[in-house]
Amino acid sequence: MNFATEPDTLAELIADCAEIPRGPEVPAARQQRPAAPWTVDDACHARVVELDEYV
């Protein structure tokens, strides 16, 4: 890693970043759960039923 100059290429930037030490502990990625299905209830539908365009 060269702190005196800026990297000239993307490869140099990647190489410089690869040399940055990681923290003592890298948290594990959280497992993503599927999103709940999206539904429209009658009250929501009633608010827009007469609109020509939803804005």
PDB file of N, CA and C in Angstrom:
ATOM      1  N   MET A   1       0.863  -1.167   0.000  1.00  0.00           N
ATOM      2  CA  MET A   1       0.000   0.000   0.000  1.00  0.00           C
ATOM      3  C   MET A   1       0.907   1.227   0.000  1.00  0.00           C
ATOM      4  N   ASN A   2       0.608   2.144  -0.877  1.00  0.00           N
ATOM      5  CA  ASN A   2       1.417   3.342  -0.994  1.00  0.00           C
ATOM      6  C   ASN A   2       0.566   4.541  -0.592  1.00  0.00           C
ATOM      7  N   PHE A   3       0.909   5.128   0.558  1.00  0.00           N
ATOM      8  CA  PHE A   3       0.148   6.285   1.036  1.00  0.00           C
ATOM      9  C   PHE A   3       0.609   7.586   0.389  1.00  0.00           C
ATOM     10  N   ALA A   4       1.740   7.574  -0.310  1.00  0.00           N
ATOM     11  CA  ALA A   4       2.298   8.792  -0.877  1.00  0.00           C
ATOM     12  C   ALA A   4       1.596   9.206  -2.166  1.00  0.00           C
ATOM     13  N   THR A   5       1.059   8.246  -2.905  1.00  0.00           N
ATOM     14  CA  THR A   5       0.432   8.581  -4.185  1.00  0.00           C
ATOM     15  C   THR A   5      -0.947   7.949  -4.283  1.00  0.00           C
ATOM     16  N   GLU A   6      -1.743   8.519  -5.141  1.00  0.00           N
ATOM     17  CA  GLU A   6      -3.058   7.962  -5.435  1.00  0.00           C
ATOM     18  C   GLU A   6      -2.873   6.828  -6.443  1.00  0.00           C
ATOM     19  N   PRO A   7      -3.718   5.818  -6.401  1.00  0.00           N
ATOM     20  CA  PRO A   7      -3.600   4.754  -7.402  1.00  0.00           C
ATOM     21  C   PRO A   7      -3.940   5.289  -8.792  1.00  0.00           C
ATOM     22  N   ASP A   8      -3.224   4.792  -9.793  1.00  0.00           N
ATOM     23  CA  ASP A   8      -3.448   5.225 -11.173  1.00  0.00           C
ATOM     24  C   ASP A   8      -4.433   4.327 -11.908  1.00  0.00           C
ATOM     25  N   THR A   9      -4.595   3.117 -11.427  1.00  0.00           N
ATOM     26  CA  THR A   9      -5.484   2.179 -12.108  1.00  0.00           C
ATOM     27  C   THR A   9      -6.424   1.545 -11.095  1.00  0.00           C
ATOM     28  N   LEU A  10      -7.467   0.934 -11.613  1.00  0.00           N
ATOM     29  CA  LEU A  10      -8.404   0.223 -10.754  1.00  0.00           C
ATOM     30  C   LEU A  10      -7.703  -0.951 -10.069  1.00  0.00           C
ATOM     31  N   ALA A  11      -6.801  -1.602 -10.774  1.00  0.00           N
ATOM     32  CA  ALA A  11      -6.061  -2.731 -10.198  1.00  0.00           C
ATOM     33  C   ALA A  11      -5.230  -2.276  -8.998  1.00  0.00           C
ATOM     34  N   GLU A  12      -4.597  -1.108  -9.103  1.00  0.00           N
ATOM     35  CA  GLU A  12      -3.816  -0.586  -7.973  1.00  0.00           C
ATOM     36  C   GLU A  12      -4.726  -0.252  -6.794  1.00  0.00           C
ATOM     37  N   LEU A  13      -5.887   0.309  -7.071  1.00  0.00           N
ATOM     38  CA  LEU A  13      -6.832   0.635  -6.009  1.00  0.00           C
ATOM     39  C   LEU A  13      -7.293  -0.634  -5.298  1.00  0.00           C
ATOM     40  N   ILE A  14      -7.627  -1.658  -6.062  1.00  0.00           N
ATOM     41  CA  ILE A  14      -8.061  -2.924  -5.469  1.00  0.00           C
ATOM     42  C   ILE A  14      -6.937  -3.532  -4.645  1.00  0.00           C
ATOM     43  N   ALA A  15      -5.726  -3.498  -5.159  1.00  0.00           N
ATOM     44  CA  ALA A  15      -4.585  -4.046  -4.423  1.00  0.00           C
ATOM     45  C   ALA A  15      -4.374  -3.279  -3.122  1.00  0.00           C
ATOM     46  N   ASP A  16      -4.486  -1.962  -3.175  1.00  0.00           N
ATOM     47  CA  ASP A  16      -4.332  -1.158  -1.956  1.00  0.00           C
ATOM     48  C   ASP A  16      -5.421  -1.498  -0.946  1.00  0.00           C
ATOM     49  N   CYS A  17      -6.653  -1.622  -1.414  1.00  0.00           N
ATOM     50  CA  CYS A  17      -7.758  -1.923  -0.501  1.00  0.00           C
ATOM     51  C   CYS A  17      -7.621  -3.317   0.094  1.00  0.00           C
ATOM     52  N   ALA A  18      -7.080  -4.252  -0.668  1.00  0.00           N
ATOM     53  CA  ALA A  18      -6.913  -5.620  -0.177  1.00  0.00           C
ATOM     54  C   ALA A  18      -5.924  -5.676   0.980  1.00  0.00           C
ATOM     55  N   GLU A  19      -5.033  -4.709   1.064  1.00  0.00           N
ATOM     56  CA  GLU A  19      -4.033  -4.694   2.132  1.00  0.00           C
ATOM     57  C   GLU A  19      -4.533  -4.032   3.409  1.00  0.00           C
ATOM     58  N   ILE A  20      -5.706  -3.424   3.379  1.00  0.00           N
ATOM     59  CA  ILE A  20      -6.252  -2.791   4.580  1.00  0.00           C
ATOM     60  C   ILE A  20      -6.652  -3.893   5.549  1.00  0.00           C
ATOM     61  N   PRO A  21      -6.129  -3.857   6.768  1.00  0.00           N
ATOM     62  CA  PRO A  21      -6.472  -4.922   7.716  1.00  0.00           C
ATOM     63  C   PRO A  21      -7.940  -4.857   8.108  1.00  0.00           C
ATOM     64  N   ARG A  22      -8.530  -6.024   8.261  1.00  0.00           N
ATOM     65  CA  ARG A  22      -9.918  -6.100   8.703  1.00  0.00           C
ATOM     66  C   ARG A  22      -9.949  -5.938  10.204  1.00  0.00           C
ATOM     67  N   GLY A  23     -11.106  -5.568  10.699  1.00  0.00           N
ATOM     68  CA  GLY A  23     -11.284  -5.444  12.136  1.00  0.00           C
ATOM     69  C   GLY A  23     -11.103  -6.794  12.812  1.00  0.00           C
ATOM     70  N   PRO A  24     -11.037  -6.797  14.133  1.00  0.00           N
ATOM     71  CA  PRO A  24     -10.816  -8.050  14.842  1.00  0.00           C
ATOM     72  C   PRO A  24     -11.958  -9.045  14.656  1.00  0.00           C
ATOM     73  N   GLU A  25     -13.134  -8.546  14.403  1.00  0.00           N
ATOM     74  CA  GLU A  25     -14.283  -9.423  14.250  1.00  0.00           C
ATOM     75  C   GLU A  25     -15.165  -8.896  13.136  1.00  0.00           C
ATOM     76  N   VAL A  26     -15.439  -9.717  12.182  1.00  0.00           N
ATOM     77  CA  VAL A  26     -16.336  -9.331  11.100  1.00  0.00           C
ATOM     78  C   VAL A  26     -17.663 -10.026  11.364  1.00  0.00           C
ATOM     79  N   PRO A  27     -18.727  -9.259  11.603  1.00  0.00           N
ATOM     80  CA  PRO A  27     -20.009  -9.901  11.908  1.00  0.00           C
ATOM     81  C   PRO A  27     -20.516 -10.720  10.716  1.00  0.00           C
ATOM     82  N   ALA A  28     -21.120 -11.828  11.019  1.00  0.00           N
ATOM     83  CA  ALA A  28     -21.682 -12.683   9.972  1.00  0.00           C
ATOM     84  C   ALA A  28     -22.868 -11.974   9.324  1.00  0.00           C
ATOM     85  N   ALA A  29     -23.023 -12.203   8.056  1.00  0.00           N
ATOM     86  CA  ALA A  29     -24.146 -11.597   7.341  1.00  0.00           C
ATOM     87  C   ALA A  29     -25.450 -12.160   7.892  1.00  0.00           C
ATOM     88  N   ARG A  30     -26.404 -11.277   8.100  1.00  0.00           N
ATOM     89  CA  ARG A  30     -27.710 -11.726   8.597  1.00  0.00           C
ATOM     90  C   ARG A  30     -28.438 -12.466   7.493  1.00  0.00           C
ATOM     91  N   GLN A  31     -29.072 -13.535   7.874  1.00  0.00           N
ATOM     92  CA  GLN A  31     -29.851 -14.291   6.899  1.00  0.00           C
ATOM     93  C   GLN A  31     -31.120 -13.518   6.576  1.00  0.00           C
ATOM     94  N   GLN A  32     -31.360 -13.348   5.300  1.00  0.00           N
ATOM     95  CA  GLN A  32     -32.550 -12.616   4.884  1.00  0.00           C
ATOM     96  C   GLN A  32     -33.738 -13.559   4.858  1.00  0.00           C
ATOM     97  N   ARG A  33     -34.843 -13.072   5.352  1.00  0.00           N
ATOM     98  CA  ARG A  33     -36.058 -13.865   5.288  1.00  0.00           C
ATOM     99  C   ARG A  33     -36.937 -13.304   4.181  1.00  0.00           C
ATOM    100  N   PRO A  34     -37.753 -14.127   3.599  1.00  0.00           N
ATOM    101  CA  PRO A  34     -38.612 -13.643   2.516  1.00  0.00           C
ATOM    102  C   PRO A  34     -39.567 -12.563   3.017  1.00  0.00           C
ATOM    103  N   ALA A  35     -39.832 -11.621   2.160  1.00  0.00           N
ATOM    104  CA  ALA A  35     -40.757 -10.540   2.511  1.00  0.00           C
ATOM    105  C   ALA A  35     -42.174 -11.092   2.606  1.00  0.00           C
ATOM    106  N   ALA A  36     -42.928 -10.496   3.487  1.00  0.00           N
ATOM    107  CA  ALA A  36     -44.330 -10.901   3.621  1.00  0.00           C
ATOM    108  C   ALA A  36     -45.077 -10.516   2.351  1.00  0.00           C
ATOM    109  N   PRO A  37     -46.035 -11.313   1.936  1.00  0.00           N
ATOM    110  CA  PRO A  37     -46.789 -10.956   0.731  1.00  0.00           C
ATOM    111  C   PRO A  37     -47.522  -9.632   0.924  1.00  0.00           C
ATOM    112  N   TRP A  38     -47.570  -8.851  -0.138  1.00  0.00           N
ATOM    113  CA  TRP A  38     -48.202  -7.541  -0.086  1.00  0.00           C
ATOM    114  C   TRP A  38     -49.667  -7.707  -0.436  1.00  0.00           C
ATOM    115  N   THR A  39     -50.522  -7.130   0.375  1.00  0.00           N
ATOM    116  CA  THR A  39     -51.957  -7.231   0.118  1.00  0.00           C
ATOM    117  C   THR A  39     -52.597  -5.855   0.211  1.00  0.00           C
ATOM    118  N   VAL A  40     -53.731  -5.722  -0.432  1.00  0.00           N
ATOM    119  CA  VAL A  40     -54.504  -4.482  -0.381  1.00  0.00           C
ATOM    120  C   VAL A  40     -55.835  -4.817   0.273  1.00  0.00           C
ATOM    121  N   ASP A  41     -56.118  -4.122   1.373  1.00  0.00           N
ATOM    122  CA  ASP A  41     -57.402  -4.390   2.027  1.00  0.00           C
ATOM    123  C   ASP A  41     -58.483  -3.485   1.424  1.00  0.00           C
ATOM    124  N   ASP A  42     -59.714  -3.710   1.834  1.00  0.00           N
ATOM    125  CA  ASP A  42     -60.840  -2.954   1.276  1.00  0.00           C
ATOM    126  C   ASP A  42     -60.734  -1.457   1.548  1.00  0.00           C
ATOM    127  N   ALA A  43     -60.238  -1.074   2.723  1.00  0.00           N
ATOM    128  CA  ALA A  43     -60.115   0.348   3.059  1.00  0.00           C
ATOM    129  C   ALA A  43     -59.115   1.036   2.134  1.00  0.00           C
ATOM    130  N   CYS A  44     -58.007   0.369   1.855  1.00  0.00           N
ATOM    131  CA  CYS A  44     -56.999   0.942   0.952  1.00  0.00           C
ATOM    132  C   CYS A  44     -57.565   1.046  -0.468  1.00  0.00           C
ATOM    133  N   HIS A  45     -58.224   0.016  -0.909  1.00  0.00           N
ATOM    134  CA  HIS A  45     -58.802   0.019  -2.248  1.00  0.00           C
ATOM    135  C   HIS A  45     -59.852   1.118  -2.397  1.00  0.00           C
ATOM    136  N   ALA A  46     -60.653   1.333  -1.367  1.00  0.00           N
ATOM    137  CA  ALA A  46     -61.713   2.345  -1.417  1.00  0.00           C
ATOM    138  C   ALA A  46     -61.147   3.751  -1.585  1.00  0.00           C
ATOM    139  N   ARG A  47     -59.935   3.980  -1.096  1.00  0.00           N
ATOM    140  CA  ARG A  47     -59.341   5.321  -1.199  1.00  0.00           C
ATOM    141  C   ARG A  47     -58.953   5.672  -2.622  1.00  0.00           C
ATOM    142  N   VAL A  48     -58.693   4.674  -3.466  1.00  0.00           N
ATOM    143  CA  VAL A  48     -58.200   4.964  -4.811  1.00  0.00           C
ATOM    144  C   VAL A  48     -59.104   4.442  -5.923  1.00  0.00           C
ATOM    145  N   VAL A  49     -60.205   3.812  -5.581  1.00  0.00           N
ATOM    146  CA  VAL A  49     -61.038   3.155  -6.583  1.00  0.00           C
ATOM    147  C   VAL A  49     -61.547   4.114  -7.657  1.00  0.00           C
ATOM    148  N   GLU A  50     -61.805   5.351  -7.330  1.00  0.00           N
ATOM    149  CA  GLU A  50     -62.356   6.281  -8.318  1.00  0.00           C
ATOM    150  C   GLU A  50     -61.299   7.157  -8.988  1.00  0.00           C
ATOM    151  N   LEU A  51     -60.067   6.988  -8.648  1.00  0.00           N
ATOM    152  CA  LEU A  51     -59.006   7.771  -9.280  1.00  0.00           C
ATOM    153  C   LEU A  51     -58.660   7.172 -10.637  1.00  0.00           C
ATOM    154  N   ASP A  52     -58.464   8.039 -11.629  1.00  0.00           N
ATOM    155  CA  ASP A  52     -58.031   7.561 -12.939  1.00  0.00           C
ATOM    156  C   ASP A  52     -56.554   7.180 -12.907  1.00  0.00           C
ATOM    157  N   GLU A  53     -55.823   7.868 -12.062  1.00  0.00           N
ATOM    158  CA  GLU A  53     -54.389   7.637 -11.973  1.00  0.00           C
ATOM    159  C   GLU A  53     -53.995   7.690 -10.508  1.00  0.00           C
ATOM    160  N   TYR A  54     -53.219   6.731 -10.061  1.00  0.00           N
ATOM    161  CA  TYR A  54     -52.780   6.722  -8.664  1.00  0.00           C
ATOM    162  C   TYR A  54     -51.594   7.660  -8.525  1.00  0.00           C
ATOM    163  N   VAL A  55     -51.751   8.673  -7.689  1.00  0.00           N
ATOM    164  CA  VAL A  55     -50.677   9.652  -7.489  1.00  0.00           C
ATOM    165  C   VAL A  55     -50.260   9.707  -6.050  1.00  0.00           C
TER     166      VAL A  55
END
